[in-house]
N, C-alpha and C. Protein backbone atom coordinates (compact mmCIF):
# COMPACT_ATOMS: atom_id res chain seq x y z
N ASP A 1 -29.10 5.12 -8.72
CA ASP A 1 -29.91 6.28 -9.05
C ASP A 1 -28.99 7.49 -9.10
N ASP A 2 -28.85 8.08 -10.27
CA ASP A 2 -27.93 9.20 -10.45
C ASP A 2 -28.36 10.47 -9.73
N THR A 3 -29.61 10.52 -9.28
CA THR A 3 -30.08 11.72 -8.59
C THR A 3 -29.79 11.69 -7.10
N LYS A 4 -29.27 10.57 -6.61
CA LYS A 4 -29.00 10.41 -5.17
C LYS A 4 -27.49 10.31 -4.93
N THR A 5 -27.09 10.61 -3.71
CA THR A 5 -25.69 10.44 -3.34
C THR A 5 -25.39 8.95 -3.18
N VAL A 6 -24.12 8.61 -3.07
CA VAL A 6 -23.71 7.22 -2.85
C VAL A 6 -24.37 6.70 -1.57
N GLY A 7 -24.31 7.49 -0.52
CA GLY A 7 -24.90 7.08 0.76
C GLY A 7 -26.40 6.85 0.66
N GLU A 8 -27.09 7.70 -0.07
CA GLU A 8 -28.54 7.54 -0.24
C GLU A 8 -28.86 6.27 -1.03
N ASN A 9 -28.05 5.97 -2.03
CA ASN A 9 -28.26 4.75 -2.81
C ASN A 9 -28.05 3.51 -1.96
N ILE A 10 -27.02 3.49 -1.14
CA ILE A 10 -26.76 2.34 -0.27
C ILE A 10 -27.89 2.22 0.75
N LYS A 11 -28.33 3.35 1.28
CA LYS A 11 -29.38 3.33 2.30
C LYS A 11 -30.69 2.76 1.77
N MET A 12 -30.91 2.86 0.46
CA MET A 12 -32.13 2.32 -0.13
C MET A 12 -32.26 0.82 0.15
N ALA A 13 -31.13 0.13 0.23
CA ALA A 13 -31.16 -1.31 0.52
C ALA A 13 -31.69 -1.58 1.92
N PHE A 14 -31.53 -0.61 2.80
CA PHE A 14 -31.98 -0.74 4.18
C PHE A 14 -33.31 0.00 4.39
N GLY A 15 -33.96 0.39 3.31
CA GLY A 15 -35.16 1.20 3.36
C GLY A 15 -36.24 0.74 4.32
N PRO A 16 -36.67 -0.52 4.24
CA PRO A 16 -37.76 -0.95 5.13
C PRO A 16 -37.42 -0.80 6.61
N ILE A 17 -36.21 -1.13 7.00
CA ILE A 17 -35.83 -0.99 8.41
C ILE A 17 -35.69 0.48 8.77
N ALA A 18 -35.10 1.27 7.88
CA ALA A 18 -34.97 2.70 8.15
C ALA A 18 -36.34 3.35 8.33
N GLU A 19 -37.31 2.91 7.53
CA GLU A 19 -38.67 3.44 7.66
C GLU A 19 -39.28 3.06 9.01
N LYS A 20 -39.00 1.85 9.46
CA LYS A 20 -39.54 1.40 10.76
C LYS A 20 -38.92 2.20 11.90
N VAL A 21 -37.61 2.45 11.81
CA VAL A 21 -36.95 3.25 12.85
C VAL A 21 -37.52 4.67 12.84
N ALA A 22 -37.72 5.23 11.65
CA ALA A 22 -38.29 6.58 11.55
C ALA A 22 -39.71 6.61 12.14
N ARG A 23 -40.51 5.59 11.86
CA ARG A 23 -41.87 5.55 12.40
C ARG A 23 -41.83 5.40 13.92
N PHE A 24 -40.93 4.56 14.43
CA PHE A 24 -40.77 4.37 15.87
C PHE A 24 -40.48 5.72 16.52
N ASN A 25 -39.56 6.49 15.94
CA ASN A 25 -39.21 7.80 16.48
C ASN A 25 -40.37 8.78 16.37
N ALA A 26 -41.13 8.70 15.29
CA ALA A 26 -42.28 9.58 15.11
C ALA A 26 -43.35 9.29 16.16
N ILE A 27 -43.51 8.02 16.50
CA ILE A 27 -44.49 7.66 17.54
C ILE A 27 -44.11 8.32 18.86
N GLY A 28 -42.81 8.32 19.17
CA GLY A 28 -42.36 8.98 20.39
C GLY A 28 -42.77 10.44 20.42
N GLU A 29 -42.67 11.10 19.28
CA GLU A 29 -43.09 12.50 19.20
C GLU A 29 -44.60 12.64 19.33
N GLU A 30 -45.34 11.70 18.70
CA GLU A 30 -46.80 11.74 18.77
C GLU A 30 -47.30 11.57 20.21
N MET A 31 -46.55 10.84 21.01
CA MET A 31 -46.96 10.58 22.39
C MET A 31 -46.89 11.83 23.26
N ALA A 32 -46.25 12.87 22.76
CA ALA A 32 -46.21 14.14 23.49
C ALA A 32 -47.56 14.86 23.42
N ASN A 33 -48.40 14.43 22.49
CA ASN A 33 -49.73 15.03 22.35
C ASN A 33 -50.66 14.42 23.39
N PRO A 34 -51.24 15.24 24.27
CA PRO A 34 -52.11 14.69 25.32
C PRO A 34 -53.37 14.00 24.78
N ASP A 35 -53.73 14.29 23.54
CA ASP A 35 -54.92 13.67 22.95
C ASP A 35 -54.60 12.39 22.17
N ALA A 36 -53.35 11.98 22.20
CA ALA A 36 -52.93 10.79 21.44
C ALA A 36 -53.57 9.53 22.01
N ASP A 37 -53.76 8.55 21.15
CA ASP A 37 -54.26 7.23 21.57
C ASP A 37 -53.05 6.42 22.03
N PHE A 38 -52.72 6.57 23.30
CA PHE A 38 -51.50 5.97 23.83
C PHE A 38 -51.48 4.46 23.71
N ASP A 39 -52.61 3.81 23.91
CA ASP A 39 -52.66 2.35 23.81
C ASP A 39 -52.30 1.89 22.40
N ALA A 40 -52.89 2.53 21.40
CA ALA A 40 -52.61 2.16 20.01
C ALA A 40 -51.16 2.46 19.65
N LEU A 41 -50.67 3.62 20.10
CA LEU A 41 -49.29 3.98 19.80
C LEU A 41 -48.30 3.03 20.47
N MET A 42 -48.58 2.66 21.72
CA MET A 42 -47.69 1.72 22.42
C MET A 42 -47.70 0.35 21.75
N GLU A 43 -48.87 -0.07 21.28
CA GLU A 43 -48.96 -1.36 20.59
C GLU A 43 -48.14 -1.33 19.29
N GLU A 44 -48.30 -0.26 18.52
CA GLU A 44 -47.54 -0.13 17.28
C GLU A 44 -46.05 -0.05 17.57
N MET A 45 -45.69 0.70 18.60
CA MET A 45 -44.29 0.85 18.96
C MET A 45 -43.69 -0.50 19.36
N GLY A 46 -44.45 -1.30 20.09
CA GLY A 46 -43.98 -2.62 20.49
C GLY A 46 -43.72 -3.52 19.30
N LYS A 47 -44.63 -3.50 18.33
CA LYS A 47 -44.45 -4.31 17.12
C LYS A 47 -43.23 -3.86 16.34
N LEU A 48 -43.09 -2.54 16.20
CA LEU A 48 -41.94 -2.00 15.48
C LEU A 48 -40.64 -2.37 16.18
N GLN A 49 -40.62 -2.27 17.51
CA GLN A 49 -39.40 -2.59 18.25
C GLN A 49 -39.01 -4.04 18.02
N THR A 50 -39.97 -4.95 18.02
CA THR A 50 -39.68 -6.36 17.78
C THR A 50 -39.07 -6.55 16.39
N GLU A 51 -39.65 -5.90 15.39
CA GLU A 51 -39.15 -6.02 14.02
C GLU A 51 -37.77 -5.39 13.86
N ILE A 52 -37.56 -4.25 14.49
CA ILE A 52 -36.27 -3.57 14.40
C ILE A 52 -35.21 -4.38 15.13
N ASP A 53 -35.55 -4.91 16.30
CA ASP A 53 -34.61 -5.75 17.05
C ASP A 53 -34.20 -6.97 16.22
N ALA A 54 -35.17 -7.61 15.58
CA ALA A 54 -34.90 -8.83 14.80
C ALA A 54 -33.95 -8.54 13.63
N ALA A 55 -34.00 -7.33 13.09
CA ALA A 55 -33.16 -6.97 11.96
C ALA A 55 -31.90 -6.22 12.39
N ASP A 56 -31.67 -6.12 13.69
CA ASP A 56 -30.54 -5.36 14.22
C ASP A 56 -30.56 -3.93 13.66
N GLY A 57 -31.76 -3.39 13.55
CA GLY A 57 -31.95 -2.09 12.93
C GLY A 57 -31.52 -0.89 13.75
N TRP A 58 -31.28 -1.09 15.03
CA TRP A 58 -30.85 0.03 15.87
C TRP A 58 -29.42 0.44 15.54
N ASP A 59 -28.71 -0.44 14.85
CA ASP A 59 -27.32 -0.20 14.49
C ASP A 59 -27.20 0.09 12.99
N LEU A 60 -28.22 0.72 12.43
CA LEU A 60 -28.31 0.92 10.99
C LEU A 60 -27.14 1.72 10.43
N ASP A 61 -26.73 2.78 11.10
CA ASP A 61 -25.62 3.60 10.59
C ASP A 61 -24.34 2.77 10.47
N SER A 62 -24.08 1.95 11.46
CA SER A 62 -22.90 1.09 11.42
C SER A 62 -23.00 0.08 10.28
N GLN A 63 -24.19 -0.48 10.08
CA GLN A 63 -24.39 -1.43 8.98
C GLN A 63 -24.18 -0.76 7.63
N LEU A 64 -24.63 0.48 7.50
CA LEU A 64 -24.42 1.22 6.26
C LEU A 64 -22.94 1.45 6.00
N GLU A 65 -22.21 1.83 7.04
CA GLU A 65 -20.77 2.03 6.90
C GLU A 65 -20.07 0.75 6.49
N GLN A 66 -20.44 -0.37 7.12
CA GLN A 66 -19.84 -1.66 6.78
C GLN A 66 -20.12 -2.03 5.33
N ALA A 67 -21.34 -1.82 4.89
CA ALA A 67 -21.70 -2.14 3.50
C ALA A 67 -20.90 -1.28 2.53
N MET A 68 -20.77 -0.01 2.85
CA MET A 68 -20.02 0.89 1.97
C MET A 68 -18.55 0.53 1.94
N ASP A 69 -17.99 0.15 3.09
CA ASP A 69 -16.59 -0.28 3.13
C ASP A 69 -16.40 -1.56 2.32
N ALA A 70 -17.30 -2.52 2.49
CA ALA A 70 -17.20 -3.80 1.77
C ALA A 70 -17.30 -3.60 0.26
N LEU A 71 -18.10 -2.64 -0.15
CA LEU A 71 -18.28 -2.36 -1.58
C LEU A 71 -17.24 -1.37 -2.11
N GLN A 72 -16.38 -0.89 -1.23
CA GLN A 72 -15.35 0.09 -1.57
C GLN A 72 -15.97 1.31 -2.26
N CYS A 73 -17.01 1.82 -1.64
CA CYS A 73 -17.72 2.98 -2.18
C CYS A 73 -16.94 4.26 -1.94
N PRO A 74 -17.14 5.24 -2.81
CA PRO A 74 -16.55 6.56 -2.55
C PRO A 74 -17.26 7.23 -1.38
N ASP A 75 -16.84 8.43 -1.07
CA ASP A 75 -17.44 9.20 0.01
C ASP A 75 -18.97 9.17 -0.13
N PRO A 76 -19.69 8.93 0.98
CA PRO A 76 -21.15 8.81 0.90
C PRO A 76 -21.87 10.07 0.43
N ASP A 77 -21.22 11.21 0.50
CA ASP A 77 -21.85 12.47 0.10
C ASP A 77 -21.67 12.77 -1.39
N THR A 78 -20.96 11.88 -2.11
CA THR A 78 -20.76 12.12 -3.55
C THR A 78 -21.86 11.50 -4.36
């Protein structure tokens, strides 16, 4: 995609996991709300954690760097 940087294009391949990590982090922020449905949020967070763990998604930045190195990509900001 010519409208995205090299890094953004590579990250698209990891999109589903990146979205799960982002949602996991958003849930943490939602839990700061005293009116939040903590049971539902904890259940969703648990499911996301299982999926992220299975995909080794907590190490996403490192995986992106490895992919870019293997593909001999230019600077990710270009």
